[in-house]
Each structure stands twice: as structure tokens, then as C-alpha cells.
Amino acid sequence: MITKKEVIHLISKKLPSSKIFVENIKGNDHLQVTVIASEFNGLSLIKQHQLVYSALKEELASEVIHALSLKTITTN
């Protein structure tokens, strides 16, 4: 089990300027995450998502996070 606070902490380490919103979709392992970050400026949507996935790499691999719905937003 992973908490919302832990997810926010992990993403914040990778994307320090980000604003992160986490919702449980089903249980504590199906999450909907929205990340707003200046680090996304100029990056494709795929690259933006890869940055977030890399922050949660271990949690996704171990299935602590079983499903992740991800929305990324740039700041201009």
C-alpha cells in the first residue's frame, strides 16, 4: 500500500517545481495523478509521462501501484 503523500513525495523529488494531485480510483493501488510542472515545457506528452513514470518506477514494478491514470500539464 502506498499513500497519496508518498506518491507526491516521489514525484516532487523528480519534478521539484510541480503541483501534484492524487486520487484513489479503486483501493490504494489504482491511482489518478495530475502533475503540473514547468519541467514539462517543450516536452512531448510521451516525455512528460516518462518523467513521472520514472519517479514511480519501483512502485509500478512491484505493483504497489497497480494502475496509474496520468494527466500532465505544462506551465507557461
PDB file of N, CA and C in Angstrom:
ATOM      1  N   MET A   1       0.835  -1.185   0.000  1.00  0.00           N
ATOM      2  CA  MET A   1       0.000   0.000   0.000  1.00  0.00           C
ATOM      3  C   MET A   1       0.882   1.251   0.000  1.00  0.00           C
ATOM      4  N   ILE A   2       0.486   2.214  -0.792  1.00  0.00           N
ATOM      5  CA  ILE A   2       1.206   3.475  -0.851  1.00  0.00           C
ATOM      6  C   ILE A   2       0.223   4.612  -0.571  1.00  0.00           C
ATOM      7  N   THR A   3       0.671   5.604   0.137  1.00  0.00           N
ATOM      8  CA  THR A   3      -0.204   6.730   0.463  1.00  0.00           C
ATOM      9  C   THR A   3      -0.098   7.824  -0.597  1.00  0.00           C
ATOM     10  N   LYS A   4      -1.089   8.687  -0.621  1.00  0.00           N
ATOM     11  CA  LYS A   4      -1.057   9.839  -1.523  1.00  0.00           C
ATOM     12  C   LYS A   4       0.173  10.690  -1.237  1.00  0.00           C
ATOM     13  N   LYS A   5       0.467  10.869   0.042  1.00  0.00           N
ATOM     14  CA  LYS A   5       1.615  11.683   0.449  1.00  0.00           C
ATOM     15  C   LYS A   5       2.927  11.099  -0.095  1.00  0.00           C
ATOM     16  N   GLU A   6       3.055   9.781  -0.074  1.00  0.00           N
ATOM     17  CA  GLU A   6       4.273   9.135  -0.599  1.00  0.00           C
ATOM     18  C   GLU A   6       4.396   9.325  -2.107  1.00  0.00           C
ATOM     19  N   VAL A   7       3.283   9.232  -2.819  1.00  0.00           N
ATOM     20  CA  VAL A   7       3.296   9.443  -4.275  1.00  0.00           C
ATOM     21  C   VAL A   7       3.723  10.871  -4.581  1.00  0.00           C
ATOM     22  N   ILE A   8       3.150  11.818  -3.866  1.00  0.00           N
ATOM     23  CA  ILE A   8       3.507  13.223  -4.066  1.00  0.00           C
ATOM     24  C   ILE A   8       4.988  13.448  -3.779  1.00  0.00           C
ATOM     25  N   HIS A   9       5.487  12.852  -2.717  1.00  0.00           N
ATOM     26  CA  HIS A   9       6.908  12.998  -2.359  1.00  0.00           C
ATOM     27  C   HIS A   9       7.816  12.441  -3.460  1.00  0.00           C
ATOM     28  N   LEU A  10       7.500  11.267  -3.971  1.00  0.00           N
ATOM     29  CA  LEU A  10       8.340  10.647  -5.003  1.00  0.00           C
ATOM     30  C   LEU A  10       8.372  11.486  -6.280  1.00  0.00           C
ATOM     31  N   ILE A  11       7.227  11.978  -6.696  1.00  0.00           N
ATOM     32  CA  ILE A  11       7.172  12.804  -7.913  1.00  0.00           C
ATOM     33  C   ILE A  11       7.866  14.145  -7.674  1.00  0.00           C
ATOM     34  N   SER A  12       7.684  14.711  -6.494  1.00  0.00           N
ATOM     35  CA  SER A  12       8.318  16.002  -6.169  1.00  0.00           C
ATOM     36  C   SER A  12       9.832  15.931  -6.187  1.00  0.00           C
ATOM     37  N   LYS A  13      10.385  14.779  -5.814  1.00  0.00           N
ATOM     38  CA  LYS A  13      11.848  14.615  -5.864  1.00  0.00           C
ATOM     39  C   LYS A  13      12.348  14.717  -7.301  1.00  0.00           C
ATOM     40  N   LYS A  14      11.583  14.203  -8.250  1.00  0.00           N
ATOM     41  CA  LYS A  14      11.966  14.218  -9.665  1.00  0.00           C
ATOM     42  C   LYS A  14      11.605  15.555 -10.329  1.00  0.00           C
ATOM     43  N   LEU A  15      10.491  16.134  -9.906  1.00  0.00           N
ATOM     44  CA  LEU A  15       9.976  17.365 -10.507  1.00  0.00           C
ATOM     45  C   LEU A  15       9.695  18.375  -9.392  1.00  0.00           C
ATOM     46  N   PRO A  16      10.745  19.035  -8.902  1.00  0.00           N
ATOM     47  CA  PRO A  16      10.617  19.891  -7.713  1.00  0.00           C
ATOM     48  C   PRO A  16       9.631  21.052  -7.823  1.00  0.00           C
ATOM     49  N   SER A  17       9.403  21.563  -9.022  1.00  0.00           N
ATOM     50  CA  SER A  17       8.506  22.716  -9.149  1.00  0.00           C
ATOM     51  C   SER A  17       7.050  22.304  -9.370  1.00  0.00           C
ATOM     52  N   SER A  18       6.770  21.029  -9.295  1.00  0.00           N
ATOM     53  CA  SER A  18       5.451  20.532  -9.679  1.00  0.00           C
ATOM     54  C   SER A  18       4.385  20.704  -8.604  1.00  0.00           C
ATOM     55  N   LYS A  19       3.150  20.759  -9.090  1.00  0.00           N
ATOM     56  CA  LYS A  19       1.960  20.665  -8.245  1.00  0.00           C
ATOM     57  C   LYS A  19       1.345  19.313  -8.591  1.00  0.00           C
ATOM     58  N   ILE A  20       1.032  18.539  -7.576  1.00  0.00           N
ATOM     59  CA  ILE A  20       0.610  17.155  -7.792  1.00  0.00           C
ATOM     60  C   ILE A  20      -0.697  16.898  -7.070  1.00  0.00           C
ATOM     61  N   PHE A  21      -1.613  16.268  -7.776  1.00  0.00           N
ATOM     62  CA  PHE A  21      -2.905  15.898  -7.211  1.00  0.00           C
ATOM     63  C   PHE A  21      -3.094  14.400  -7.406  1.00  0.00           C
ATOM     64  N   VAL A  22      -3.410  13.695  -6.328  1.00  0.00           N
ATOM     65  CA  VAL A  22      -3.543  12.242  -6.361  1.00  0.00           C
ATOM     66  C   VAL A  22      -4.921  11.856  -5.841  1.00  0.00           C
ATOM     67  N   GLU A  23      -5.600  10.993  -6.594  1.00  0.00           N
ATOM     68  CA  GLU A  23      -6.893  10.465  -6.169  1.00  0.00           C
ATOM     69  C   GLU A  23      -6.854   8.949  -6.261  1.00  0.00           C
ATOM     70  N   ASN A  24      -7.469   8.291  -5.287  1.00  0.00           N
ATOM     71  CA  ASN A  24      -7.632   6.842  -5.354  1.00  0.00           C
ATOM     72  C   ASN A  24      -8.835   6.552  -6.238  1.00  0.00           C
ATOM     73  N   ILE A  25      -8.614   5.748  -7.273  1.00  0.00           N
ATOM     74  CA  ILE A  25      -9.718   5.353  -8.147  1.00  0.00           C
ATOM     75  C   ILE A  25     -10.400   4.121  -7.562  1.00  0.00           C
ATOM     76  N   LYS A  26      -9.570   3.168  -7.134  1.00  0.00           N
ATOM     77  CA  LYS A  26     -10.079   1.908  -6.581  1.00  0.00           C
ATOM     78  C   LYS A  26      -9.022   1.397  -5.617  1.00  0.00           C
ATOM     79  N   GLY A  27      -9.376   1.313  -4.361  1.00  0.00           N
ATOM     80  CA  GLY A  27      -8.398   0.876  -3.374  1.00  0.00           C
ATOM     81  C   GLY A  27      -7.267   1.882  -3.282  1.00  0.00           C
ATOM     82  N   ASN A  28      -6.123   1.438  -2.823  1.00  0.00           N
ATOM     83  CA  ASN A  28      -4.959   2.321  -2.736  1.00  0.00           C
ATOM     84  C   ASN A  28      -3.931   2.022  -3.804  1.00  0.00           C
ATOM     85  N   ASP A  29      -4.245   1.127  -4.748  1.00  0.00           N
ATOM     86  CA  ASP A  29      -3.267   0.791  -5.776  1.00  0.00           C
ATOM     87  C   ASP A  29      -3.701   1.192  -7.186  1.00  0.00           C
ATOM     88  N   HIS A  30      -4.870   1.777  -7.320  1.00  0.00           N
ATOM     89  CA  HIS A  30      -5.348   2.320  -8.591  1.00  0.00           C
ATOM     90  C   HIS A  30      -5.461   3.828  -8.406  1.00  0.00           C
ATOM     91  N   LEU A  31      -4.566   4.562  -9.042  1.00  0.00           N
ATOM     92  CA  LEU A  31      -4.471   5.994  -8.775  1.00  0.00           C
ATOM     93  C   LEU A  31      -4.699   6.832 -10.027  1.00  0.00           C
ATOM     94  N   GLN A  32      -5.263   7.998  -9.811  1.00  0.00           N
ATOM     95  CA  GLN A  32      -5.353   9.029 -10.840  1.00  0.00           C
ATOM     96  C   GLN A  32      -4.466  10.172 -10.377  1.00  0.00           C
ATOM     97  N   VAL A  33      -3.457  10.505 -11.176  1.00  0.00           N
ATOM     98  CA  VAL A  33      -2.481  11.517 -10.789  1.00  0.00           C
ATOM     99  C   VAL A  33      -2.447  12.625 -11.848  1.00  0.00           C
ATOM    100  N   THR A  34      -2.519  13.852 -11.381  1.00  0.00           N
ATOM    101  CA  THR A  34      -2.358  15.026 -12.242  1.00  0.00           C
ATOM    102  C   THR A  34      -1.114  15.754 -11.773  1.00  0.00           C
ATOM    103  N   VAL A  35      -0.221  16.050 -12.729  1.00  0.00           N
ATOM    104  CA  VAL A  35       1.023  16.741 -12.405  1.00  0.00           C
ATOM    105  C   VAL A  35       1.128  17.984 -13.283  1.00  0.00           C
ATOM    106  N   ILE A  36       1.308  19.115 -12.647  1.00  0.00           N
ATOM    107  CA  ILE A  36       1.512  20.393 -13.340  1.00  0.00           C
ATOM    108  C   ILE A  36       2.954  20.800 -13.050  1.00  0.00           C
ATOM    109  N   ALA A  37       3.766  20.956 -14.106  1.00  0.00           N
ATOM    110  CA  ALA A  37       5.186  21.228 -13.865  1.00  0.00           C
ATOM    111  C   ALA A  37       5.813  22.046 -14.982  1.00  0.00           C
ATOM    112  N   SER A  38       6.675  22.961 -14.598  1.00  0.00           N
ATOM    113  CA  SER A  38       7.422  23.749 -15.582  1.00  0.00           C
ATOM    114  C   SER A  38       8.434  22.871 -16.310  1.00  0.00           C
ATOM    115  N   GLU A  39       8.860  21.790 -15.682  1.00  0.00           N
ATOM    116  CA  GLU A  39       9.813  20.870 -16.336  1.00  0.00           C
ATOM    117  C   GLU A  39       9.232  20.227 -17.587  1.00  0.00           C
ATOM    118  N   PHE A  40       7.911  20.274 -17.747  1.00  0.00           N
ATOM    119  CA  PHE A  40       7.263  19.703 -18.926  1.00  0.00           C
ATOM    120  C   PHE A  40       7.312  20.626 -20.144  1.00  0.00           C
ATOM    121  N   ASN A  41       7.600  21.903 -19.927  1.00  0.00           N
ATOM    122  CA  ASN A  41       7.609  22.859 -21.038  1.00  0.00           C
ATOM    123  C   ASN A  41       8.550  22.396 -22.137  1.00  0.00           C
ATOM    124  N   GLY A  42       8.036  22.345 -23.365  1.00  0.00           N
ATOM    125  CA  GLY A  42       8.838  21.958 -24.517  1.00  0.00           C
ATOM    126  C   GLY A  42       8.960  20.457 -24.723  1.00  0.00           C
ATOM    127  N   LEU A  43       8.384  19.662 -23.824  1.00  0.00           N
ATOM    128  CA  LEU A  43       8.467  18.208 -23.958  1.00  0.00           C
ATOM    129  C   LEU A  43       7.181  17.652 -24.557  1.00  0.00           C
ATOM    130  N   SER A  44       7.310  16.571 -25.303  1.00  0.00           N
ATOM    131  CA  SER A  44       6.132  15.894 -25.831  1.00  0.00           C
ATOM    132  C   SER A  44       5.369  15.255 -24.666  1.00  0.00           C
ATOM    133  N   LEU A  45       4.126  14.909 -24.906  1.00  0.00           N
ATOM    134  CA  LEU A  45       3.309  14.256 -23.889  1.00  0.00           C
ATOM    135  C   LEU A  45       3.963  12.947 -23.429  1.00  0.00           C
ATOM    136  N   ILE A  46       4.528  12.217 -24.355  1.00  0.00           N
ATOM    137  CA  ILE A  46       5.201  10.954 -24.016  1.00  0.00           C
ATOM    138  C   ILE A  46       6.373  11.209 -23.073  1.00  0.00           C
ATOM    139  N   LYS A  47       7.182  12.208 -23.349  1.00  0.00           N
ATOM    140  CA  LYS A  47       8.329  12.543 -22.490  1.00  0.00           C
ATOM    141  C   LYS A  47       7.864  13.006 -21.110  1.00  0.00           C
ATOM    142  N   GLN A  48       6.777  13.763 -21.083  1.00  0.00           N
ATOM    143  CA  GLN A  48       6.225  14.207 -19.804  1.00  0.00           C
ATOM    144  C   GLN A  48       5.827  13.000 -18.952  1.00  0.00           C
ATOM    145  N   HIS A  49       5.122  12.069 -19.570  1.00  0.00           N
ATOM    146  CA  HIS A  49       4.680  10.876 -18.848  1.00  0.00           C
ATOM    147  C   HIS A  49       5.869  10.020 -18.425  1.00  0.00           C
ATOM    148  N   GLN A  50       6.876   9.931 -19.271  1.00  0.00           N
ATOM    149  CA  GLN A  50       8.065   9.152 -18.916  1.00  0.00           C
ATOM    150  C   GLN A  50       8.748   9.710 -17.674  1.00  0.00           C
ATOM    151  N   LEU A  51       8.772  11.024 -17.536  1.00  0.00           N
ATOM    152  CA  LEU A  51       9.361  11.639 -16.340  1.00  0.00           C
ATOM    153  C   LEU A  51       8.617  11.212 -15.076  1.00  0.00           C
ATOM    154  N   VAL A  52       7.300  11.222 -15.147  1.00  0.00           N
ATOM    155  CA  VAL A  52       6.508  10.835 -13.977  1.00  0.00           C
ATOM    156  C   VAL A  52       6.667   9.335 -13.707  1.00  0.00           C
ATOM    157  N   TYR A  53       6.594   8.522 -14.756  1.00  0.00           N
ATOM    158  CA  TYR A  53       6.776   7.073 -14.575  1.00  0.00           C
ATOM    159  C   TYR A  53       8.137   6.751 -13.976  1.00  0.00           C
ATOM    160  N   SER A  54       9.162   7.494 -14.365  1.00  0.00           N
ATOM    161  CA  SER A  54      10.496   7.231 -13.814  1.00  0.00           C
ATOM    162  C   SER A  54      10.550   7.536 -12.318  1.00  0.00           C
ATOM    163  N   ALA A  55       9.753   8.489 -11.872  1.00  0.00           N
ATOM    164  CA  ALA A  55       9.704   8.813 -10.444  1.00  0.00           C
ATOM    165  C   ALA A  55       9.020   7.709  -9.637  1.00  0.00           C
ATOM    166  N   LEU A  56       8.141   6.956 -10.301  1.00  0.00           N
ATOM    167  CA  LEU A  56       7.374   5.904  -9.631  1.00  0.00           C
ATOM    168  C   LEU A  56       7.787   4.503 -10.099  1.00  0.00           C
ATOM    169  N   LYS A  57       8.965   4.408 -10.692  1.00  0.00           N
ATOM    170  CA  LYS A  57       9.442   3.180 -11.320  1.00  0.00           C
ATOM    171  C   LYS A  57       9.355   1.949 -10.408  1.00  0.00           C
ATOM    172  N   GLU A  58       9.891   2.056  -9.211  1.00  0.00           N
ATOM    173  CA  GLU A  58       9.908   0.915  -8.293  1.00  0.00           C
ATOM    174  C   GLU A  58       8.497   0.539  -7.841  1.00  0.00           C
ATOM    175  N   GLU A  59       7.671   1.515  -7.584  1.00  0.00           N
ATOM    176  CA  GLU A  59       6.318   1.266  -7.111  1.00  0.00           C
ATOM    177  C   GLU A  59       5.467   0.608  -8.200  1.00  0.00           C
ATOM    178  N   LEU A  60       5.692   0.993  -9.447  1.00  0.00           N
ATOM    179  CA  LEU A  60       4.979   0.366 -10.563  1.00  0.00           C
ATOM    180  C   LEU A  60       5.496  -1.055 -10.810  1.00  0.00           C
ATOM    181  N   ALA A  61       6.803  -1.242 -10.743  1.00  0.00           N
ATOM    182  CA  ALA A  61       7.398  -2.566 -10.980  1.00  0.00           C
ATOM    183  C   ALA A  61       6.968  -3.579  -9.927  1.00  0.00           C
ATOM    184  N   SER A  62       6.864  -3.138  -8.686  1.00  0.00           N
ATOM    185  CA  SER A  62       6.484  -4.044  -7.603  1.00  0.00           C
ATOM    186  C   SER A  62       4.964  -4.161  -7.455  1.00  0.00           C
ATOM    187  N   GLU A  63       4.230  -3.414  -8.273  1.00  0.00           N
ATOM    188  CA  GLU A  63       2.766  -3.361  -8.272  1.00  0.00           C
ATOM    189  C   GLU A  63       2.180  -2.817  -6.970  1.00  0.00           C
ATOM    190  N   VAL A  64       2.979  -2.036  -6.220  1.00  0.00           N
ATOM    191  CA  VAL A  64       2.415  -1.265  -5.114  1.00  0.00           C
ATOM    192  C   VAL A  64       1.395  -0.294  -5.721  1.00  0.00           C
ATOM    193  N   ILE A  65       1.736   0.220  -6.910  1.00  0.00           N
ATOM    194  CA  ILE A  65       0.771   0.948  -7.739  1.00  0.00           C
ATOM    195  C   ILE A  65       0.435   0.007  -8.886  1.00  0.00           C
ATOM    196  N   HIS A  66      -0.793  -0.483  -8.885  1.00  0.00           N
ATOM    197  CA  HIS A  66      -1.199  -1.460  -9.892  1.00  0.00           C
ATOM    198  C   HIS A  66      -1.660  -0.783 -11.186  1.00  0.00           C
ATOM    199  N   ALA A  67      -2.365   0.336 -11.043  1.00  0.00           N
ATOM    200  CA  ALA A  67      -2.865   1.066 -12.210  1.00  0.00           C
ATOM    201  C   ALA A  67      -2.680   2.560 -11.970  1.00  0.00           C
ATOM    202  N   LEU A  68      -2.262   3.253 -13.030  1.00  0.00           N
ATOM    203  CA  LEU A  68      -1.993   4.682 -12.922  1.00  0.00           C
ATOM    204  C   LEU A  68      -2.619   5.406 -14.108  1.00  0.00           C
ATOM    205  N   SER A  69      -3.564   6.282 -13.807  1.00  0.00           N
ATOM    206  CA  SER A  69      -4.135   7.174 -14.803  1.00  0.00           C
ATOM    207  C   SER A  69      -3.405   8.495 -14.627  1.00  0.00           C
ATOM    208  N   LEU A  70      -2.763   8.968 -15.691  1.00  0.00           N
ATOM    209  CA  LEU A  70      -1.867  10.110 -15.570  1.00  0.00           C
ATOM    210  C   LEU A  70      -2.270  11.243 -16.506  1.00  0.00           C
ATOM    211  N   LYS A  71      -2.290  12.451 -15.933  1.00  0.00           N
ATOM    212  CA  LYS A  71      -2.526  13.667 -16.721  1.00  0.00           C
ATOM    213  C   LYS A  71      -1.389  14.623 -16.393  1.00  0.00           C
ATOM    214  N   THR A  72      -0.719  15.124 -17.417  1.00  0.00           N
ATOM    215  CA  THR A  72       0.359  16.086 -17.212  1.00  0.00           C
ATOM    216  C   THR A  72      -0.008  17.404 -17.882  1.00  0.00           C
ATOM    217  N   ILE A  73       0.382  18.497 -17.228  1.00  0.00           N
ATOM    218  CA  ILE A  73       0.055  19.830 -17.703  1.00  0.00           C
ATOM    219  C   ILE A  73       1.310  20.690 -17.603  1.00  0.00           C
ATOM    220  N   THR A  74       1.590  21.435 -18.663  1.00  0.00           N
ATOM    221  CA  THR A  74       2.738  22.346 -18.640  1.00  0.00           C
ATOM    222  C   THR A  74       2.328  23.688 -18.039  1.00  0.00           C
ATOM    223  N   THR A  75       3.305  24.430 -17.563  1.00  0.00           N
ATOM    224  CA  THR A  75       3.049  25.789 -17.115  1.00  0.00           C
ATOM    225  C   THR A  75       3.713  26.730 -18.117  1.00  0.00           C
ATOM    226  N   ASN A  76       3.040  27.776 -18.452  1.00  0.00           N
ATOM    227  CA  ASN A  76       3.597  28.721 -19.430  1.00  0.00           C
ATOM    228  C   ASN A  76       3.776  30.072 -18.822  1.00  0.00           C
TER     229      ASN A  76
END
